[in-house]
Amino acid sequence: MSIQILQYEFLGPIKLSEWGPPMEEVAYILFAKNKDVFNIIYVGESGKTEASDFFTKNDQFKCWLSNAGGENNLYLSIYPMWGSSQSARKQLVRKIVYRYKPVCNQVSEDSENTPTSTAQTIEPEPEPEEVKDNSNKNLDDLLDELKKKTEK
């Protein structure tokens, strides 16, 4: 079983209680299951681990339980990133957090803590624009180009 988040194919979800080490380098998502809907509540990353208490020792574990209504409704999906650097994993985490705004990833208590919607049909991200060499342009020219792009 798998679930697509952005253009990434995550394995699972499985009940968090069914997970066991070892775990290779991954990005992971925790979901709160409500009936047949999986809501993203946390996104994280990990290097290799053998720790059986990896998830229960997480600083956000109480937030996960609170938002899932108990461990029985807490589900895990992983995206294997074998041999990846921590910065590569964190970059993926940031992309997902930016898009879905999981409640347990919100740093500030002032932020809006609304449940995210399920990720059943996800449109792929647009391809990044081609990077141009702007080293010979001055700041005013670059600002003019930016204004033109945003006015379109």
N, C-alpha and C. Protein backbone atom coordinates (compact mmCIF):
# COMPACT_ATOMS: atom_id res chain seq x y z
N MET A 1 0.85 -1.18 0.00
CA MET A 1 0.00 0.00 0.00
C MET A 1 0.89 1.24 0.00
N SER A 2 0.47 2.25 -0.72
CA SER A 2 1.24 3.49 -0.73
C SER A 2 0.29 4.67 -0.88
N ILE A 3 0.83 5.85 -0.59
CA ILE A 3 0.06 7.08 -0.69
C ILE A 3 0.96 8.13 -1.33
N GLN A 4 0.40 8.91 -2.25
CA GLN A 4 1.19 9.93 -2.93
C GLN A 4 1.01 11.27 -2.24
N ILE A 5 2.14 11.85 -1.84
CA ILE A 5 2.18 13.17 -1.22
C ILE A 5 3.08 14.01 -2.12
N LEU A 6 2.54 15.11 -2.63
CA LEU A 6 3.20 15.86 -3.68
C LEU A 6 3.50 14.85 -4.78
N GLN A 7 4.70 14.75 -5.29
CA GLN A 7 4.96 13.73 -6.32
C GLN A 7 5.70 12.53 -5.75
N TYR A 8 5.72 12.39 -4.43
CA TYR A 8 6.48 11.33 -3.76
C TYR A 8 5.56 10.19 -3.34
N GLU A 9 6.03 8.97 -3.56
CA GLU A 9 5.27 7.77 -3.23
C GLU A 9 5.71 7.26 -1.85
N PHE A 10 4.89 7.50 -0.83
CA PHE A 10 5.19 7.07 0.53
C PHE A 10 4.62 5.68 0.76
N LEU A 11 5.36 4.83 1.47
CA LEU A 11 4.90 3.49 1.82
C LEU A 11 3.96 3.59 3.01
N GLY A 12 2.90 2.80 3.00
CA GLY A 12 1.93 2.83 4.09
C GLY A 12 0.68 3.54 3.63
N PRO A 13 -0.12 4.00 4.53
CA PRO A 13 0.14 4.08 5.97
C PRO A 13 -0.15 2.76 6.70
N ILE A 14 0.60 2.59 7.81
CA ILE A 14 0.37 1.48 8.73
C ILE A 14 0.15 2.07 10.12
N LYS A 15 -0.47 1.31 11.00
CA LYS A 15 -0.62 1.78 12.38
C LYS A 15 0.77 1.99 12.97
N LEU A 16 0.94 3.10 13.67
CA LEU A 16 2.24 3.38 14.27
C LEU A 16 2.65 2.25 15.21
N SER A 17 1.69 1.67 15.90
CA SER A 17 1.99 0.59 16.84
C SER A 17 2.54 -0.66 16.15
N GLU A 18 2.35 -0.79 14.84
CA GLU A 18 2.86 -1.94 14.08
C GLU A 18 4.28 -1.72 13.57
N TRP A 19 4.80 -0.49 13.70
CA TRP A 19 6.14 -0.19 13.22
C TRP A 19 7.18 -0.78 14.16
N GLY A 20 8.29 -1.21 13.60
CA GLY A 20 9.41 -1.67 14.40
C GLY A 20 10.70 -1.43 13.66
N PRO A 21 11.77 -1.20 14.42
CA PRO A 21 13.07 -0.98 13.79
C PRO A 21 13.56 -2.26 13.12
N PRO A 22 14.58 -2.17 12.31
CA PRO A 22 15.38 -0.99 11.99
C PRO A 22 14.69 -0.12 10.95
N MET A 23 15.18 1.11 10.83
CA MET A 23 14.67 2.02 9.82
C MET A 23 15.88 2.71 9.18
N GLU A 24 15.88 2.74 7.86
CA GLU A 24 16.95 3.42 7.12
C GLU A 24 16.64 4.91 7.07
N GLU A 25 17.40 5.66 6.27
CA GLU A 25 17.15 7.09 6.11
C GLU A 25 15.80 7.28 5.44
N VAL A 26 14.93 8.07 6.08
CA VAL A 26 13.57 8.28 5.56
C VAL A 26 13.07 9.68 5.87
N ALA A 27 12.07 10.08 5.11
CA ALA A 27 11.16 11.15 5.51
C ALA A 27 9.90 10.39 5.94
N TYR A 28 9.24 10.85 6.98
CA TYR A 28 8.05 10.14 7.43
C TYR A 28 6.90 11.11 7.71
N ILE A 29 5.70 10.57 7.61
CA ILE A 29 4.49 11.35 7.87
C ILE A 29 3.64 10.59 8.87
N LEU A 30 3.13 11.32 9.86
CA LEU A 30 2.18 10.74 10.79
C LEU A 30 0.79 11.28 10.46
N PHE A 31 -0.16 10.36 10.42
CA PHE A 31 -1.54 10.69 10.09
C PHE A 31 -2.44 10.39 11.28
N ALA A 32 -3.49 11.18 11.41
CA ALA A 32 -4.58 10.86 12.32
C ALA A 32 -5.69 10.30 11.45
N LYS A 33 -6.13 9.08 11.76
CA LYS A 33 -7.20 8.47 10.97
C LYS A 33 -8.53 8.79 11.63
N ASN A 34 -9.43 9.37 10.83
CA ASN A 34 -10.77 9.69 11.28
C ASN A 34 -11.73 9.05 10.29
N LYS A 35 -12.35 7.97 10.68
CA LYS A 35 -13.17 7.14 9.80
C LYS A 35 -12.27 6.63 8.68
N ASP A 36 -12.53 7.00 7.43
CA ASP A 36 -11.69 6.53 6.32
C ASP A 36 -10.76 7.62 5.79
N VAL A 37 -10.58 8.69 6.56
CA VAL A 37 -9.77 9.83 6.13
C VAL A 37 -8.49 9.87 6.95
N PHE A 38 -7.36 10.04 6.26
CA PHE A 38 -6.07 10.20 6.92
C PHE A 38 -5.66 11.67 6.84
N ASN A 39 -5.54 12.34 7.99
CA ASN A 39 -5.11 13.73 8.04
C ASN A 39 -3.65 13.80 8.46
N ILE A 40 -2.86 14.54 7.70
CA ILE A 40 -1.44 14.71 8.03
C ILE A 40 -1.34 15.58 9.27
N ILE A 41 -0.68 15.04 10.32
CA ILE A 41 -0.51 15.84 11.54
C ILE A 41 0.95 16.14 11.84
N TYR A 42 1.89 15.41 11.22
CA TYR A 42 3.30 15.68 11.47
C TYR A 42 4.14 15.10 10.33
N VAL A 43 5.19 15.83 9.98
CA VAL A 43 6.15 15.36 8.98
C VAL A 43 7.54 15.49 9.60
N GLY A 44 8.36 14.45 9.47
CA GLY A 44 9.70 14.47 10.01
C GLY A 44 10.66 13.67 9.15
N GLU A 45 11.88 13.55 9.62
CA GLU A 45 12.91 12.80 8.90
C GLU A 45 13.80 12.10 9.91
N SER A 46 14.49 11.08 9.43
CA SER A 46 15.39 10.34 10.30
C SER A 46 16.52 9.74 9.50
N GLY A 47 17.67 9.66 10.16
CA GLY A 47 18.75 8.85 9.64
C GLY A 47 18.47 7.42 10.05
N LYS A 48 19.43 6.54 9.87
CA LYS A 48 19.25 5.14 10.28
C LYS A 48 18.99 5.09 11.78
N THR A 49 18.08 4.19 12.19
CA THR A 49 17.84 4.02 13.62
C THR A 49 17.48 2.57 13.93
N GLU A 50 17.89 2.16 15.11
CA GLU A 50 17.54 0.85 15.65
C GLU A 50 16.65 1.02 16.88
N ALA A 51 16.37 2.26 17.27
CA ALA A 51 15.64 2.55 18.51
C ALA A 51 14.16 2.18 18.37
N SER A 52 13.71 1.26 19.21
CA SER A 52 12.31 0.85 19.15
C SER A 52 11.37 1.94 19.68
N ASP A 53 11.92 2.88 20.46
CA ASP A 53 11.11 3.97 20.99
C ASP A 53 11.30 5.26 20.19
N PHE A 54 11.77 5.15 18.95
CA PHE A 54 12.07 6.32 18.13
C PHE A 54 10.88 7.29 18.07
N PHE A 55 9.69 6.79 17.81
CA PHE A 55 8.53 7.67 17.67
C PHE A 55 7.95 8.08 19.02
N THR A 56 7.89 7.17 19.97
CA THR A 56 7.29 7.51 21.27
C THR A 56 8.14 8.50 22.06
N LYS A 57 9.44 8.58 21.76
CA LYS A 57 10.33 9.54 22.45
C LYS A 57 10.37 10.90 21.73
N ASN A 58 9.67 11.03 20.62
CA ASN A 58 9.65 12.30 19.88
C ASN A 58 8.99 13.38 20.73
N ASP A 59 9.54 14.59 20.67
CA ASP A 59 8.99 15.72 21.43
C ASP A 59 7.53 15.99 21.10
N GLN A 60 7.09 15.62 19.91
CA GLN A 60 5.72 15.90 19.48
C GLN A 60 4.76 14.73 19.70
N PHE A 61 5.20 13.67 20.37
CA PHE A 61 4.36 12.48 20.53
C PHE A 61 3.03 12.82 21.19
N LYS A 62 3.05 13.66 22.22
CA LYS A 62 1.79 14.04 22.89
C LYS A 62 0.87 14.78 21.93
N CYS A 63 1.43 15.62 21.08
CA CYS A 63 0.63 16.33 20.08
C CYS A 63 -0.01 15.33 19.12
N TRP A 64 0.75 14.32 18.71
CA TRP A 64 0.21 13.30 17.81
C TRP A 64 -0.97 12.59 18.45
N LEU A 65 -0.77 12.14 19.70
CA LEU A 65 -1.84 11.42 20.40
C LEU A 65 -3.08 12.29 20.57
N SER A 66 -2.85 13.53 20.95
CA SER A 66 -3.95 14.47 21.16
C SER A 66 -4.75 14.68 19.88
N ASN A 67 -4.07 14.85 18.77
CA ASN A 67 -4.76 15.12 17.50
C ASN A 67 -5.34 13.87 16.85
N ALA A 68 -4.81 12.72 17.20
CA ALA A 68 -5.32 11.47 16.63
C ALA A 68 -6.42 10.87 17.51
N GLY A 69 -6.52 11.36 18.75
CA GLY A 69 -7.51 10.79 19.67
C GLY A 69 -7.03 9.48 20.28
N GLY A 70 -5.73 9.22 20.23
CA GLY A 70 -5.17 8.01 20.81
C GLY A 70 -4.28 7.29 19.81
N GLU A 71 -3.44 6.40 20.34
CA GLU A 71 -2.46 5.70 19.50
C GLU A 71 -3.11 4.79 18.46
N ASN A 72 -4.31 4.33 18.74
CA ASN A 72 -5.01 3.45 17.82
C ASN A 72 -5.36 4.13 16.49
N ASN A 73 -5.44 5.46 16.48
CA ASN A 73 -5.77 6.22 15.27
C ASN A 73 -4.55 6.88 14.64
N LEU A 74 -3.36 6.51 15.11
CA LEU A 74 -2.12 7.12 14.65
C LEU A 74 -1.46 6.21 13.62
N TYR A 75 -1.23 6.75 12.42
CA TYR A 75 -0.69 5.97 11.31
C TYR A 75 0.59 6.60 10.78
N LEU A 76 1.45 5.75 10.20
CA LEU A 76 2.77 6.15 9.73
C LEU A 76 2.95 5.78 8.26
N SER A 77 3.53 6.70 7.50
CA SER A 77 4.00 6.43 6.14
C SER A 77 5.44 6.88 6.05
N ILE A 78 6.23 6.14 5.29
CA ILE A 78 7.64 6.52 5.14
C ILE A 78 8.00 6.64 3.66
N TYR A 79 8.96 7.50 3.40
CA TYR A 79 9.53 7.65 2.07
C TYR A 79 11.02 7.33 2.19
N PRO A 80 11.44 6.13 1.77
CA PRO A 80 12.85 5.75 1.89
C PRO A 80 13.75 6.69 1.09
N MET A 81 14.83 7.11 1.73
CA MET A 81 15.81 7.99 1.09
C MET A 81 17.21 7.45 1.38
N TRP A 82 17.46 6.19 0.99
CA TRP A 82 18.70 5.49 1.29
C TRP A 82 19.91 6.33 0.94
N GLY A 83 20.83 6.43 1.89
CA GLY A 83 22.08 7.13 1.66
C GLY A 83 21.95 8.65 1.54
N SER A 84 20.80 9.19 1.86
CA SER A 84 20.58 10.63 1.70
C SER A 84 21.20 11.41 2.86
N SER A 85 21.46 12.68 2.60
CA SER A 85 21.96 13.57 3.65
C SER A 85 20.77 14.09 4.46
N GLN A 86 21.07 14.55 5.67
CA GLN A 86 20.01 15.11 6.50
C GLN A 86 19.41 16.35 5.83
N SER A 87 20.23 17.14 5.16
CA SER A 87 19.71 18.35 4.51
C SER A 87 18.73 17.99 3.38
N ALA A 88 18.99 16.92 2.65
CA ALA A 88 18.06 16.49 1.59
C ALA A 88 16.73 16.05 2.20
N ARG A 89 16.80 15.31 3.32
CA ARG A 89 15.57 14.87 3.97
C ARG A 89 14.80 16.06 4.54
N LYS A 90 15.52 17.00 5.15
CA LYS A 90 14.86 18.18 5.71
C LYS A 90 14.22 19.03 4.62
N GLN A 91 14.83 19.08 3.46
CA GLN A 91 14.25 19.84 2.36
C GLN A 91 12.89 19.26 1.96
N LEU A 92 12.80 17.93 1.88
CA LEU A 92 11.53 17.29 1.56
C LEU A 92 10.51 17.57 2.65
N VAL A 93 10.93 17.47 3.91
CA VAL A 93 10.03 17.76 5.03
C VAL A 93 9.48 19.18 4.91
N ARG A 94 10.35 20.14 4.63
CA ARG A 94 9.91 21.54 4.51
C ARG A 94 8.87 21.71 3.39
N LYS A 95 9.08 21.03 2.26
CA LYS A 95 8.13 21.13 1.15
C LYS A 95 6.75 20.62 1.57
N ILE A 96 6.73 19.49 2.26
CA ILE A 96 5.45 18.91 2.67
C ILE A 96 4.79 19.77 3.75
N VAL A 97 5.58 20.24 4.71
CA VAL A 97 5.04 21.10 5.77
C VAL A 97 4.47 22.38 5.17
N TYR A 98 5.18 22.96 4.21
CA TYR A 98 4.71 24.19 3.57
C TYR A 98 3.36 23.96 2.88
N ARG A 99 3.21 22.82 2.22
CA ARG A 99 1.99 22.53 1.46
C ARG A 99 0.82 22.16 2.36
N TYR A 100 1.06 21.33 3.39
CA TYR A 100 -0.04 20.77 4.17
C TYR A 100 -0.21 21.39 5.56
N LYS A 101 0.80 22.09 6.05
CA LYS A 101 0.76 22.75 7.35
C LYS A 101 0.25 21.82 8.47
N PRO A 102 0.96 20.71 8.70
CA PRO A 102 0.54 19.77 9.74
C PRO A 102 0.52 20.43 11.11
N VAL A 103 -0.52 20.15 11.87
CA VAL A 103 -0.74 20.82 13.15
C VAL A 103 0.43 20.62 14.12
N CYS A 104 1.04 19.46 14.15
CA CYS A 104 2.12 19.20 15.11
C CYS A 104 3.49 19.69 14.61
N ASN A 105 3.56 20.24 13.41
CA ASN A 105 4.78 20.87 12.93
C ASN A 105 4.77 22.37 13.18
N GLN A 106 3.65 22.90 13.61
CA GLN A 106 3.56 24.34 13.83
C GLN A 106 4.35 24.70 15.07
N VAL A 107 5.34 25.57 14.92
CA VAL A 107 6.24 25.94 16.01
C VAL A 107 5.54 26.88 16.98
N SER A 108 4.84 27.85 16.46
CA SER A 108 4.21 28.87 17.29
C SER A 108 2.82 28.44 17.71
N GLU A 109 2.49 28.63 18.97
CA GLU A 109 1.15 28.31 19.43
C GLU A 109 0.14 29.32 18.90
N ASP A 110 0.63 30.46 18.40
CA ASP A 110 -0.24 31.48 17.82
C ASP A 110 -0.72 31.08 16.44
N SER A 111 -0.03 30.14 15.82
CA SER A 111 -0.38 29.79 14.45
C SER A 111 -1.72 29.07 14.41
N GLU A 112 -2.30 29.08 13.24
CA GLU A 112 -3.62 28.49 13.06
C GLU A 112 -3.47 26.97 13.03
N ASN A 113 -4.02 26.30 14.03
CA ASN A 113 -3.90 24.85 14.13
C ASN A 113 -5.17 24.18 13.64
N THR A 114 -5.33 24.14 12.34
CA THR A 114 -6.50 23.49 11.78
C THR A 114 -6.08 22.19 11.14
N PRO A 115 -6.92 21.16 11.24
CA PRO A 115 -6.55 19.88 10.64
C PRO A 115 -6.36 20.03 9.14
N THR A 116 -5.42 19.29 8.61
CA THR A 116 -5.18 19.33 7.17
C THR A 116 -6.12 18.37 6.48
N SER A 117 -6.28 18.55 5.22
CA SER A 117 -7.14 17.65 4.47
C SER A 117 -6.36 16.42 4.05
N THR A 118 -7.08 15.41 3.69
CA THR A 118 -6.45 14.17 3.27
C THR A 118 -5.75 14.35 1.93
N ALA A 119 -4.78 13.53 1.67
CA ALA A 119 -3.98 13.66 0.45
C ALA A 119 -4.30 12.52 -0.50
N GLN A 120 -5.54 12.44 -0.96
CA GLN A 120 -5.90 11.34 -1.83
C GLN A 120 -5.59 11.63 -3.29
N THR A 121 -5.89 12.82 -3.77
CA THR A 121 -5.54 13.18 -5.13
C THR A 121 -4.70 14.44 -5.08
N ILE A 122 -3.47 14.30 -5.44
CA ILE A 122 -2.51 15.38 -5.35
C ILE A 122 -2.03 15.72 -6.75
N GLU A 123 -2.06 17.00 -7.08
CA GLU A 123 -1.51 17.42 -8.36
C GLU A 123 0.00 17.51 -8.23
N PRO A 124 0.75 17.12 -9.25
CA PRO A 124 2.21 17.21 -9.16
C PRO A 124 2.64 18.67 -9.09
N GLU A 125 3.77 18.87 -8.46
CA GLU A 125 4.32 20.22 -8.37
C GLU A 125 4.76 20.69 -9.74
N PRO A 126 4.63 22.00 -10.01
CA PRO A 126 5.14 22.49 -11.29
C PRO A 126 6.65 22.35 -11.34
N GLU A 127 7.17 22.15 -12.52
CA GLU A 127 8.61 22.06 -12.69
C GLU A 127 9.24 23.41 -12.38
N PRO A 128 10.40 23.43 -11.75
CA PRO A 128 11.04 24.71 -11.45
C PRO A 128 11.44 25.43 -12.75
N GLU A 129 11.37 26.76 -12.68
CA GLU A 129 11.75 27.54 -13.85
C GLU A 129 13.25 27.42 -14.06
N GLU A 130 13.64 27.59 -15.31
CA GLU A 130 15.05 27.52 -15.65
C GLU A 130 15.79 28.67 -14.96
N VAL A 131 16.90 28.36 -14.36
CA VAL A 131 17.70 29.37 -13.67
C VAL A 131 18.56 30.09 -14.70
N LYS A 132 18.50 31.42 -14.64
CA LYS A 132 19.28 32.23 -15.57
C LYS A 132 20.48 32.82 -14.85
N ASP A 133 21.53 33.06 -15.61
CA ASP A 133 22.70 33.72 -15.06
C ASP A 133 22.43 35.22 -15.05
N ASN A 134 22.21 35.76 -13.84
CA ASN A 134 21.90 37.18 -13.70
C ASN A 134 23.08 37.97 -13.16
N SER A 135 24.26 37.42 -13.23
CA SER A 135 25.41 38.07 -12.60
C SER A 135 25.77 39.40 -13.25
N ASN A 136 25.37 39.61 -14.52
CA ASN A 136 25.72 40.86 -15.20
C ASN A 136 24.61 41.91 -15.12
N LYS A 137 23.52 41.60 -14.48
CA LYS A 137 22.41 42.54 -14.40
C LYS A 137 22.47 43.29 -13.08
N ASN A 138 21.97 44.52 -13.12
CA ASN A 138 21.93 45.26 -11.87
C ASN A 138 20.61 45.00 -11.15
N LEU A 139 20.51 45.43 -9.94
CA LEU A 139 19.35 45.15 -9.10
C LEU A 139 18.07 45.72 -9.68
N ASP A 140 18.12 46.91 -10.26
CA ASP A 140 16.91 47.52 -10.84
C ASP A 140 16.36 46.68 -11.99
N ASP A 141 17.24 46.16 -12.85
CA ASP A 141 16.79 45.30 -13.96
C ASP A 141 16.13 44.03 -13.42
N LEU A 142 16.72 43.43 -12.41
CA LEU A 142 16.16 42.21 -11.82
C LEU A 142 14.80 42.49 -11.19
N LEU A 143 14.66 43.62 -10.51
CA LEU A 143 13.38 43.98 -9.90
C LEU A 143 12.32 44.21 -10.97
N ASP A 144 12.68 44.85 -12.07
CA ASP A 144 11.74 45.06 -13.17
C ASP A 144 11.26 43.72 -13.74
N GLU A 145 12.18 42.78 -13.93
CA GLU A 145 11.81 41.45 -14.43
C GLU A 145 10.86 40.75 -13.47
N LEU A 146 11.14 40.87 -12.19
CA LEU A 146 10.29 40.24 -11.18
C LEU A 146 8.89 40.84 -11.20
N LYS A 147 8.79 42.16 -11.31
CA LYS A 147 7.48 42.82 -11.37
C LYS A 147 6.69 42.34 -12.58
N LYS A 148 7.36 42.22 -13.73
CA LYS A 148 6.68 41.77 -14.94
C LYS A 148 6.13 40.36 -14.77
N LYS A 149 6.90 39.48 -14.13
CA LYS A 149 6.45 38.10 -13.92
C LYS A 149 5.24 38.05 -13.00
N THR A 150 5.24 38.87 -11.96
CA THR A 150 4.13 38.82 -10.99
C THR A 150 2.88 39.51 -11.52
N GLU A 151 3.02 40.37 -12.51
CA GLU A 151 1.86 41.06 -13.09
C GLU A 151 1.12 40.18 -14.09
N LYS A 152 1.74 39.11 -14.55
CA LYS A 152 1.13 38.23 -15.56
C LYS A 152 -0.04 37.47 -14.99
